[in-house]
Amino acid sequence: MRNRIIGAAALIALVGIIYLYEDNQRSFSTPLEAIYHQTENQEGVTVKEIFASSQVNNHADYFYITNSDNIVAVQLSKGLFGWRFDSLSTGSGLNIYHKISEPINGYTRSGDFVFGLATEQVDRIEVNNIQARLIPLDFYFEGKEINGKKLWYVHTKNDSGESIEIHAFDKSNKEL
């Protein structure tokens, strides 16, 4: 009986060591290192320019554009050994230089994370009654095609299995 307990303890210790080693190998000292390491050899999601980020506690959201000027969102978390890459969401159809005809030009969803592009007249966006954050792109990029476009993003309280409602409002609080 004693040998079984020692064997089980040794097995648990070995599994723990392997897990900690793997966690250490996929962790980086900064979020930027994690992003560049994860995307360096992936065609279509190579980083051209990182332009915005948000960090709350041990979670971070970063946005960058690819070589084809599409927006990509990256979610990271800080673990025991540093920053780990959690997910990457490509904004298909969310090219910062393409013309937008509607107040909200589509969106991309990954779990509880939703992001998209909005036109100049949009002052506020709500997703499932949660106010999204707006980032003016003309603060980061030049060109007449940018013309007041905004990136919006939000963490909802439901997962990707449930539907979402998106509402855009102008400065006078009129729904667009």
N, C-alpha and C. Protein backbone atom coordinates (compact mmCIF):
# COMPACT_ATOMS: atom_id res chain seq x y z
N MET A 1 0.82 -1.19 0.00
CA MET A 1 0.00 0.00 0.00
C MET A 1 0.87 1.26 0.00
N ARG A 2 1.93 1.23 0.80
CA ARG A 2 2.80 2.39 0.90
C ARG A 2 3.49 2.65 -0.44
N ASN A 3 3.88 1.59 -1.15
CA ASN A 3 4.52 1.74 -2.45
C ASN A 3 3.57 2.36 -3.48
N ARG A 4 2.29 2.04 -3.40
CA ARG A 4 1.30 2.63 -4.31
C ARG A 4 1.17 4.13 -4.07
N ILE A 5 1.16 4.52 -2.81
CA ILE A 5 1.05 5.94 -2.47
C ILE A 5 2.29 6.69 -2.97
N ILE A 6 3.45 6.11 -2.76
CA ILE A 6 4.69 6.74 -3.24
C ILE A 6 4.69 6.81 -4.76
N GLY A 7 4.26 5.75 -5.43
CA GLY A 7 4.19 5.74 -6.89
C GLY A 7 3.21 6.78 -7.41
N ALA A 8 2.04 6.87 -6.77
CA ALA A 8 1.04 7.86 -7.18
C ALA A 8 1.57 9.28 -6.96
N ALA A 9 2.23 9.52 -5.84
CA ALA A 9 2.79 10.84 -5.55
C ALA A 9 3.87 11.19 -6.57
N ALA A 10 4.69 10.22 -6.94
CA ALA A 10 5.74 10.46 -7.94
C ALA A 10 5.12 10.78 -9.30
N LEU A 11 4.06 10.06 -9.66
CA LEU A 11 3.37 10.30 -10.93
C LEU A 11 2.74 11.70 -10.95
N ILE A 12 2.10 12.07 -9.86
CA ILE A 12 1.49 13.41 -9.77
C ILE A 12 2.57 14.49 -9.85
N ALA A 13 3.69 14.28 -9.17
CA ALA A 13 4.79 15.24 -9.22
C ALA A 13 5.35 15.36 -10.64
N LEU A 14 5.48 14.23 -11.35
CA LEU A 14 5.98 14.24 -12.72
C LEU A 14 5.04 15.00 -13.64
N VAL A 15 3.74 14.74 -13.52
CA VAL A 15 2.75 15.45 -14.33
C VAL A 15 2.81 16.95 -14.03
N GLY A 16 2.94 17.31 -12.76
CA GLY A 16 3.05 18.72 -12.36
C GLY A 16 4.28 19.39 -12.95
N ILE A 17 5.40 18.69 -12.92
CA ILE A 17 6.63 19.24 -13.48
C ILE A 17 6.50 19.44 -14.98
N ILE A 18 5.90 18.47 -15.67
CA ILE A 18 5.71 18.58 -17.12
C ILE A 18 4.79 19.77 -17.43
N TYR A 19 3.71 19.91 -16.66
CA TYR A 19 2.79 21.03 -16.88
C TYR A 19 3.50 22.37 -16.67
N LEU A 20 4.25 22.49 -15.59
CA LEU A 20 4.96 23.74 -15.31
C LEU A 20 6.01 24.04 -16.38
N TYR A 21 6.67 23.01 -16.88
CA TYR A 21 7.65 23.20 -17.95
C TYR A 21 6.97 23.72 -19.21
N GLU A 22 5.85 23.09 -19.59
CA GLU A 22 5.10 23.52 -20.77
C GLU A 22 4.59 24.95 -20.61
N ASP A 23 4.09 25.28 -19.42
CA ASP A 23 3.60 26.63 -19.15
C ASP A 23 4.74 27.64 -19.27
N ASN A 24 5.89 27.29 -18.79
CA ASN A 24 7.06 28.16 -18.88
C ASN A 24 7.47 28.37 -20.34
N GLN A 25 7.41 27.31 -21.15
CA GLN A 25 7.83 27.39 -22.54
C GLN A 25 6.92 28.27 -23.39
N ARG A 26 5.65 28.36 -23.03
CA ARG A 26 4.73 29.18 -23.83
C ARG A 26 4.44 30.53 -23.18
N SER A 27 5.24 30.92 -22.21
CA SER A 27 5.09 32.21 -21.54
C SER A 27 6.22 33.16 -21.92
N PHE A 28 5.89 34.45 -21.95
CA PHE A 28 6.86 35.47 -22.35
C PHE A 28 6.80 36.62 -21.36
N SER A 29 7.88 37.38 -21.27
CA SER A 29 7.96 38.43 -20.26
C SER A 29 7.03 39.61 -20.56
N THR A 30 6.71 39.85 -21.83
CA THR A 30 5.79 40.94 -22.17
C THR A 30 4.72 40.43 -23.13
N PRO A 31 3.57 41.09 -23.17
CA PRO A 31 2.54 40.71 -24.14
C PRO A 31 3.03 40.81 -25.58
N LEU A 32 3.84 41.82 -25.88
CA LEU A 32 4.33 41.99 -27.25
C LEU A 32 5.19 40.82 -27.70
N GLU A 33 6.04 40.32 -26.81
CA GLU A 33 6.84 39.13 -27.14
C GLU A 33 5.94 37.95 -27.47
N ALA A 34 4.90 37.76 -26.69
CA ALA A 34 3.96 36.65 -26.93
C ALA A 34 3.28 36.79 -28.28
N ILE A 35 2.88 38.01 -28.63
CA ILE A 35 2.20 38.25 -29.91
C ILE A 35 3.15 37.97 -31.07
N TYR A 36 4.33 38.56 -31.03
CA TYR A 36 5.27 38.38 -32.14
C TYR A 36 5.70 36.92 -32.28
N HIS A 37 5.89 36.23 -31.19
CA HIS A 37 6.27 34.82 -31.25
C HIS A 37 5.17 33.98 -31.88
N GLN A 38 3.93 34.23 -31.53
CA GLN A 38 2.80 33.44 -32.02
C GLN A 38 2.51 33.70 -33.49
N THR A 39 2.74 34.93 -33.96
CA THR A 39 2.32 35.29 -35.31
C THR A 39 3.46 35.36 -36.32
N GLU A 40 4.70 35.13 -35.90
CA GLU A 40 5.83 35.38 -36.78
C GLU A 40 5.84 34.55 -38.06
N ASN A 41 5.38 33.34 -38.05
CA ASN A 41 5.42 32.50 -39.25
C ASN A 41 4.04 32.13 -39.77
N GLN A 42 3.03 32.89 -39.39
CA GLN A 42 1.67 32.60 -39.84
C GLN A 42 1.27 33.59 -40.93
N GLU A 43 1.11 33.08 -42.12
CA GLU A 43 0.75 33.93 -43.24
C GLU A 43 -0.66 34.48 -43.04
N GLY A 44 -0.85 35.73 -43.35
CA GLY A 44 -2.16 36.36 -43.24
C GLY A 44 -2.41 37.04 -41.91
N VAL A 45 -1.64 36.70 -40.89
CA VAL A 45 -1.82 37.36 -39.58
C VAL A 45 -0.51 37.96 -39.07
N THR A 46 0.46 38.13 -39.96
CA THR A 46 1.73 38.73 -39.58
C THR A 46 1.50 40.17 -39.14
N VAL A 47 2.15 40.57 -38.07
CA VAL A 47 1.98 41.90 -37.51
C VAL A 47 2.66 42.95 -38.39
N LYS A 48 1.88 43.93 -38.83
CA LYS A 48 2.44 45.10 -39.51
C LYS A 48 2.64 46.21 -38.49
N GLU A 49 1.60 46.46 -37.67
CA GLU A 49 1.70 47.51 -36.66
C GLU A 49 0.69 47.26 -35.54
N ILE A 50 1.17 47.23 -34.32
CA ILE A 50 0.29 47.15 -33.15
C ILE A 50 -0.12 48.57 -32.82
N PHE A 51 -1.43 48.79 -32.66
CA PHE A 51 -1.86 50.17 -32.47
C PHE A 51 -2.69 50.43 -31.23
N ALA A 52 -3.18 49.44 -30.55
CA ALA A 52 -3.99 49.71 -29.35
C ALA A 52 -3.96 48.50 -28.44
N SER A 53 -4.13 48.78 -27.16
CA SER A 53 -4.17 47.68 -26.19
C SER A 53 -4.95 48.10 -24.97
N SER A 54 -5.39 47.08 -24.25
CA SER A 54 -6.09 47.29 -22.99
C SER A 54 -5.66 46.17 -22.06
N GLN A 55 -5.28 46.53 -20.85
CA GLN A 55 -4.84 45.53 -19.89
C GLN A 55 -5.58 45.72 -18.58
N VAL A 56 -6.27 44.68 -18.14
CA VAL A 56 -6.99 44.70 -16.87
C VAL A 56 -6.57 43.47 -16.09
N ASN A 57 -6.00 43.71 -14.90
CA ASN A 57 -5.51 42.62 -14.06
C ASN A 57 -4.55 41.74 -14.84
N ASN A 58 -4.86 40.47 -14.99
CA ASN A 58 -3.96 39.54 -15.68
C ASN A 58 -4.43 39.19 -17.09
N HIS A 59 -5.26 40.05 -17.67
CA HIS A 59 -5.76 39.82 -19.03
C HIS A 59 -5.47 41.05 -19.88
N ALA A 60 -5.15 40.82 -21.15
CA ALA A 60 -4.84 41.92 -22.05
C ALA A 60 -5.46 41.66 -23.42
N ASP A 61 -5.93 42.73 -24.04
CA ASP A 61 -6.42 42.71 -25.41
C ASP A 61 -5.51 43.63 -26.22
N TYR A 62 -5.00 43.13 -27.33
CA TYR A 62 -4.16 43.93 -28.22
C TYR A 62 -4.77 43.90 -29.61
N PHE A 63 -4.62 45.00 -30.33
CA PHE A 63 -5.09 45.10 -31.70
C PHE A 63 -3.92 45.47 -32.59
N TYR A 64 -3.89 44.85 -33.76
CA TYR A 64 -2.87 45.22 -34.73
C TYR A 64 -3.44 45.07 -36.13
N ILE A 65 -2.72 45.64 -37.09
CA ILE A 65 -3.11 45.45 -38.49
C ILE A 65 -2.07 44.54 -39.14
N THR A 66 -2.57 43.78 -40.11
CA THR A 66 -1.72 42.86 -40.86
C THR A 66 -1.11 43.61 -42.04
N ASN A 67 -0.30 42.92 -42.81
CA ASN A 67 0.29 43.52 -44.00
C ASN A 67 -0.76 43.91 -45.03
N SER A 68 -1.95 43.29 -44.96
CA SER A 68 -3.04 43.65 -45.87
C SER A 68 -4.02 44.62 -45.21
N ASP A 69 -3.63 45.24 -44.10
CA ASP A 69 -4.39 46.28 -43.39
C ASP A 69 -5.70 45.80 -42.78
N ASN A 70 -5.79 44.51 -42.47
CA ASN A 70 -6.94 43.99 -41.74
C ASN A 70 -6.66 44.04 -40.24
N ILE A 71 -7.71 44.26 -39.45
CA ILE A 71 -7.55 44.32 -38.00
C ILE A 71 -7.57 42.92 -37.42
N VAL A 72 -6.67 42.68 -36.48
CA VAL A 72 -6.61 41.41 -35.75
C VAL A 72 -6.62 41.75 -34.26
N ALA A 73 -7.39 40.99 -33.50
CA ALA A 73 -7.43 41.15 -32.04
C ALA A 73 -6.75 39.94 -31.40
N VAL A 74 -5.95 40.20 -30.39
CA VAL A 74 -5.25 39.14 -29.67
C VAL A 74 -5.60 39.26 -28.20
N GLN A 75 -5.91 38.12 -27.61
CA GLN A 75 -6.18 38.09 -26.18
C GLN A 75 -5.08 37.29 -25.50
N LEU A 76 -4.57 37.84 -24.39
CA LEU A 76 -3.49 37.22 -23.65
C LEU A 76 -3.84 37.18 -22.17
N SER A 77 -3.17 36.30 -21.46
CA SER A 77 -3.35 36.25 -20.01
C SER A 77 -1.99 36.06 -19.36
N LYS A 78 -1.86 36.58 -18.16
CA LYS A 78 -0.60 36.47 -17.43
C LYS A 78 -0.69 35.29 -16.47
N GLY A 79 0.25 34.38 -16.62
CA GLY A 79 0.29 33.21 -15.76
C GLY A 79 1.46 33.27 -14.80
N LEU A 80 1.79 32.15 -14.27
CA LEU A 80 2.85 32.05 -13.28
C LEU A 80 4.21 32.48 -13.83
N PHE A 81 4.47 32.19 -15.12
CA PHE A 81 5.78 32.47 -15.71
C PHE A 81 5.79 33.65 -16.67
N GLY A 82 4.66 34.30 -16.88
CA GLY A 82 4.62 35.44 -17.80
C GLY A 82 3.36 35.44 -18.64
N TRP A 83 3.43 36.16 -19.75
CA TRP A 83 2.27 36.34 -20.63
C TRP A 83 2.13 35.18 -21.60
N ARG A 84 0.89 34.69 -21.70
CA ARG A 84 0.57 33.58 -22.61
C ARG A 84 -0.45 34.06 -23.64
N PHE A 85 -0.28 33.56 -24.83
CA PHE A 85 -1.18 33.83 -25.94
C PHE A 85 -2.44 32.97 -25.76
N ASP A 86 -3.62 33.60 -25.70
CA ASP A 86 -4.87 32.85 -25.54
C ASP A 86 -5.59 32.65 -26.86
N SER A 87 -5.85 33.75 -27.58
CA SER A 87 -6.58 33.61 -28.84
C SER A 87 -6.27 34.76 -29.77
N LEU A 88 -6.54 34.50 -31.04
CA LEU A 88 -6.34 35.48 -32.09
C LEU A 88 -7.62 35.50 -32.91
N SER A 89 -8.17 36.68 -33.13
CA SER A 89 -9.40 36.82 -33.92
C SER A 89 -9.13 37.74 -35.09
N THR A 90 -9.28 37.20 -36.29
CA THR A 90 -9.08 38.03 -37.47
C THR A 90 -10.38 38.74 -37.80
N GLY A 91 -10.27 39.98 -38.13
CA GLY A 91 -11.45 40.74 -38.51
C GLY A 91 -11.66 40.67 -40.00
N SER A 92 -12.15 39.52 -40.50
CA SER A 92 -12.34 39.40 -41.93
C SER A 92 -13.32 40.46 -42.39
N GLY A 93 -12.93 41.18 -43.39
CA GLY A 93 -13.74 42.28 -43.88
C GLY A 93 -13.55 43.55 -43.09
N LEU A 94 -12.66 43.53 -42.11
CA LEU A 94 -12.42 44.72 -41.30
C LEU A 94 -11.09 45.36 -41.70
N ASN A 95 -11.01 45.77 -42.95
CA ASN A 95 -9.84 46.45 -43.47
C ASN A 95 -9.98 47.93 -43.14
N ILE A 96 -8.96 48.51 -42.53
CA ILE A 96 -9.09 49.89 -42.07
C ILE A 96 -9.22 50.90 -43.20
N TYR A 97 -8.81 50.54 -44.42
CA TYR A 97 -8.88 51.48 -45.53
C TYR A 97 -10.08 51.26 -46.45
N HIS A 98 -10.89 50.24 -46.21
CA HIS A 98 -12.08 50.04 -47.03
C HIS A 98 -13.19 50.99 -46.61
N LYS A 99 -14.02 51.35 -47.57
CA LYS A 99 -15.13 52.26 -47.31
C LYS A 99 -16.20 51.54 -46.48
N ILE A 100 -16.76 52.27 -45.52
CA ILE A 100 -17.84 51.75 -44.68
C ILE A 100 -19.11 52.51 -45.04
N SER A 101 -20.16 51.79 -45.37
CA SER A 101 -21.41 52.47 -45.74
C SER A 101 -22.43 52.47 -44.60
N GLU A 102 -22.35 51.53 -43.69
CA GLU A 102 -23.27 51.45 -42.56
C GLU A 102 -22.57 51.97 -41.30
N PRO A 103 -23.34 52.39 -40.29
CA PRO A 103 -22.70 52.86 -39.05
C PRO A 103 -21.78 51.81 -38.43
N ILE A 104 -22.20 50.55 -38.49
CA ILE A 104 -21.37 49.46 -38.00
C ILE A 104 -21.09 48.54 -39.18
N ASN A 105 -19.83 48.35 -39.49
CA ASN A 105 -19.44 47.55 -40.65
C ASN A 105 -19.07 46.14 -40.22
N GLY A 106 -20.08 45.35 -39.88
CA GLY A 106 -19.81 43.99 -39.48
C GLY A 106 -19.07 43.91 -38.16
N TYR A 107 -18.83 42.70 -37.73
CA TYR A 107 -18.10 42.48 -36.48
C TYR A 107 -17.52 41.08 -36.48
N THR A 108 -16.60 40.86 -35.57
CA THR A 108 -16.00 39.55 -35.38
C THR A 108 -16.20 39.16 -33.93
N ARG A 109 -16.47 37.89 -33.72
CA ARG A 109 -16.74 37.40 -32.37
C ARG A 109 -15.89 36.18 -32.08
N SER A 110 -15.32 36.17 -30.89
CA SER A 110 -14.54 35.03 -30.42
C SER A 110 -14.89 34.83 -28.96
N GLY A 111 -15.74 33.85 -28.68
CA GLY A 111 -16.20 33.63 -27.31
C GLY A 111 -17.00 34.82 -26.82
N ASP A 112 -16.55 35.43 -25.73
CA ASP A 112 -17.27 36.59 -25.20
C ASP A 112 -16.68 37.91 -25.70
N PHE A 113 -15.75 37.86 -26.64
CA PHE A 113 -15.08 39.05 -27.16
C PHE A 113 -15.63 39.39 -28.53
N VAL A 114 -16.08 40.65 -28.70
CA VAL A 114 -16.68 41.10 -29.96
C VAL A 114 -16.00 42.41 -30.35
N PHE A 115 -15.64 42.56 -31.64
CA PHE A 115 -15.07 43.82 -32.10
C PHE A 115 -15.45 44.07 -33.55
N GLY A 116 -15.38 45.34 -33.96
CA GLY A 116 -15.72 45.71 -35.31
C GLY A 116 -15.31 47.14 -35.61
N LEU A 117 -15.75 47.63 -36.78
CA LEU A 117 -15.47 49.00 -37.19
C LEU A 117 -16.76 49.80 -37.22
N ALA A 118 -16.64 51.09 -36.95
CA ALA A 118 -17.79 51.99 -36.99
C ALA A 118 -17.40 53.26 -37.74
N THR A 119 -18.43 53.96 -38.23
CA THR A 119 -18.20 55.20 -38.96
C THR A 119 -18.03 56.38 -38.02
N GLU A 120 -17.74 57.52 -38.63
CA GLU A 120 -17.47 58.75 -37.87
C GLU A 120 -18.66 59.20 -37.03
N GLN A 121 -19.89 59.02 -37.53
CA GLN A 121 -21.06 59.52 -36.80
C GLN A 121 -21.40 58.70 -35.55
N VAL A 122 -20.81 57.53 -35.38
CA VAL A 122 -21.09 56.71 -34.21
C VAL A 122 -20.35 57.28 -33.00
N ASP A 123 -21.10 57.53 -31.93
CA ASP A 123 -20.52 58.06 -30.70
C ASP A 123 -20.50 57.02 -29.58
N ARG A 124 -21.40 56.03 -29.69
CA ARG A 124 -21.50 55.01 -28.64
C ARG A 124 -22.06 53.74 -29.25
N ILE A 125 -21.56 52.60 -28.79
CA ILE A 125 -22.06 51.29 -29.24
C ILE A 125 -22.35 50.46 -28.00
N GLU A 126 -23.49 49.79 -28.03
CA GLU A 126 -23.85 48.85 -26.97
C GLU A 126 -24.02 47.46 -27.56
N VAL A 127 -23.43 46.49 -26.90
CA VAL A 127 -23.57 45.09 -27.29
C VAL A 127 -24.19 44.37 -26.11
N ASN A 128 -25.41 43.87 -26.31
CA ASN A 128 -26.16 43.23 -25.21
C ASN A 128 -26.20 44.12 -23.97
N ASN A 129 -26.48 45.40 -24.21
CA ASN A 129 -26.60 46.41 -23.14
C ASN A 129 -25.30 46.69 -22.40
N ILE A 130 -24.17 46.31 -22.96
CA ILE A 130 -22.86 46.62 -22.40
C ILE A 130 -22.19 47.61 -23.34
N GLN A 131 -21.75 48.73 -22.80
CA GLN A 131 -21.13 49.75 -23.64
C GLN A 131 -19.75 49.29 -24.12
N ALA A 132 -19.55 49.39 -25.43
CA ALA A 132 -18.27 49.01 -26.04
C ALA A 132 -17.28 50.17 -25.92
N ARG A 133 -16.02 49.84 -25.96
CA ARG A 133 -14.98 50.87 -26.00
C ARG A 133 -14.75 51.25 -27.45
N LEU A 134 -14.56 52.54 -27.69
CA LEU A 134 -14.30 53.05 -29.04
C LEU A 134 -12.88 53.58 -29.12
N ILE A 135 -12.19 53.22 -30.20
CA ILE A 135 -10.83 53.69 -30.42
C ILE A 135 -10.80 54.40 -31.78
N PRO A 136 -10.55 55.72 -31.80
CA PRO A 136 -10.49 56.44 -33.08
C PRO A 136 -9.24 56.03 -33.87
N LEU A 137 -9.46 55.52 -35.07
CA LEU A 137 -8.34 55.03 -35.87
C LEU A 137 -7.49 56.16 -36.44
N ASP A 138 -8.09 57.35 -36.64
CA ASP A 138 -7.30 58.44 -37.20
C ASP A 138 -6.26 58.96 -36.20
N PHE A 139 -6.34 58.52 -34.98
CA PHE A 139 -5.29 58.83 -34.00
C PHE A 139 -4.02 58.03 -34.31
N TYR A 140 -4.18 56.86 -34.94
CA TYR A 140 -3.06 55.97 -35.21
C TYR A 140 -2.64 55.91 -36.68
N PHE A 141 -3.59 56.17 -37.58
CA PHE A 141 -3.32 56.00 -39.01
C PHE A 141 -3.72 57.25 -39.78
N GLU A 142 -3.01 57.48 -40.89
CA GLU A 142 -3.32 58.61 -41.74
C GLU A 142 -3.98 58.11 -43.02
N GLY A 143 -4.66 59.02 -43.68
CA GLY A 143 -5.29 58.70 -44.95
C GLY A 143 -6.74 59.11 -44.96
N LYS A 144 -7.19 59.58 -46.11
CA LYS A 144 -8.58 60.04 -46.20
C LYS A 144 -9.56 58.89 -46.01
N GLU A 145 -9.13 57.66 -46.26
CA GLU A 145 -10.01 56.51 -46.10
C GLU A 145 -10.35 56.25 -44.63
N ILE A 146 -9.48 56.68 -43.73
CA ILE A 146 -9.73 56.49 -42.29
C ILE A 146 -10.87 57.39 -41.86
N ASN A 147 -10.80 58.67 -42.17
CA ASN A 147 -11.87 59.65 -42.00
C ASN A 147 -12.80 59.40 -40.81
N GLY A 148 -12.27 59.36 -39.62
CA GLY A 148 -13.10 59.25 -38.43
C GLY A 148 -13.55 57.84 -38.06
N LYS A 149 -13.09 56.84 -38.77
CA LYS A 149 -13.47 55.46 -38.42
C LYS A 149 -13.01 55.13 -37.01
N LYS A 150 -13.76 54.23 -36.39
CA LYS A 150 -13.44 53.82 -35.03
C LYS A 150 -13.47 52.30 -34.93
N LEU A 151 -12.56 51.78 -34.15
CA LEU A 151 -12.59 50.37 -33.77
C LEU A 151 -13.38 50.31 -32.47
N TRP A 152 -14.30 49.36 -32.38
CA TRP A 152 -15.03 49.17 -31.12
C TRP A 152 -14.84 47.73 -30.66
N TYR A 153 -14.86 47.55 -29.34
CA TYR A 153 -14.74 46.20 -28.80
C TYR A 153 -15.37 46.12 -27.43
N VAL A 154 -15.76 44.90 -27.08
CA VAL A 154 -16.42 44.68 -25.79
C VAL A 154 -16.28 43.21 -25.41
N HIS A 155 -16.26 42.96 -24.12
CA HIS A 155 -16.37 41.61 -23.59
C HIS A 155 -17.80 41.46 -23.10
N THR A 156 -18.55 40.56 -23.71
CA THR A 156 -19.93 40.33 -23.29
C THR A 156 -19.95 39.31 -22.16
N LYS A 157 -21.13 39.09 -21.63
CA LYS A 157 -21.24 38.13 -20.53
C LYS A 157 -21.68 36.75 -20.99
N ASN A 158 -21.90 36.61 -22.29
CA ASN A 158 -22.33 35.31 -22.79
C ASN A 158 -21.30 34.76 -23.78
N ASP A 159 -21.33 33.46 -23.96
CA ASP A 159 -20.36 32.84 -24.86
C ASP A 159 -20.86 32.89 -26.29
N SER A 160 -20.11 32.29 -27.20
CA SER A 160 -20.41 32.39 -28.62
C SER A 160 -21.67 31.63 -29.04
N GLY A 161 -22.26 30.85 -28.16
CA GLY A 161 -23.46 30.11 -28.52
C GLY A 161 -24.72 30.94 -28.51
N GLU A 162 -24.70 32.08 -27.84
CA GLU A 162 -25.89 32.91 -27.74
C GLU A 162 -25.81 34.06 -28.74
N SER A 163 -26.98 34.58 -29.13
CA SER A 163 -27.00 35.69 -30.07
C SER A 163 -26.66 36.99 -29.34
N ILE A 164 -26.24 37.97 -30.12
CA ILE A 164 -25.92 39.26 -29.55
C ILE A 164 -26.70 40.35 -30.27
N GLU A 165 -26.96 41.44 -29.56
CA GLU A 165 -27.62 42.60 -30.13
C GLU A 165 -26.65 43.76 -30.09
N ILE A 166 -26.48 44.42 -31.25
CA ILE A 166 -25.57 45.55 -31.34
C ILE A 166 -26.38 46.78 -31.72
N HIS A 167 -26.20 47.86 -30.95
CA HIS A 167 -26.88 49.13 -31.23
C HIS A 167 -25.84 50.24 -31.26
N ALA A 168 -25.94 51.10 -32.29
CA ALA A 168 -25.04 52.24 -32.42
C ALA A 168 -25.84 53.52 -32.21
N PHE A 169 -25.21 54.51 -31.56
CA PHE A 169 -25.86 55.78 -31.26
C PHE A 169 -24.96 56.93 -31.68
N ASP A 170 -25.59 58.05 -32.09
CA ASP A 170 -24.82 59.24 -32.42
C ASP A 170 -24.67 60.12 -31.18
N LYS A 171 -24.10 61.33 -31.35
CA LYS A 171 -23.84 62.21 -30.20
C LYS A 171 -25.10 62.68 -29.51
N SER A 172 -26.22 62.73 -30.23
CA SER A 172 -27.48 63.15 -29.62
C SER A 172 -28.25 61.96 -29.05
N ASN A 173 -27.59 60.84 -28.93
CA ASN A 173 -28.15 59.61 -28.36
C ASN A 173 -29.25 58.99 -29.22
N LYS A 174 -29.25 59.33 -30.50
CA LYS A 174 -30.22 58.77 -31.44
C LYS A 174 -29.62 57.48 -32.02
N GLU A 175 -30.44 56.43 -32.02
CA GLU A 175 -29.94 55.16 -32.56
C GLU A 175 -29.79 55.25 -34.06
N LEU A 176 -28.67 54.78 -34.55
CA LEU A 176 -28.39 54.82 -35.99
C LEU A 176 -28.82 53.54 -36.67
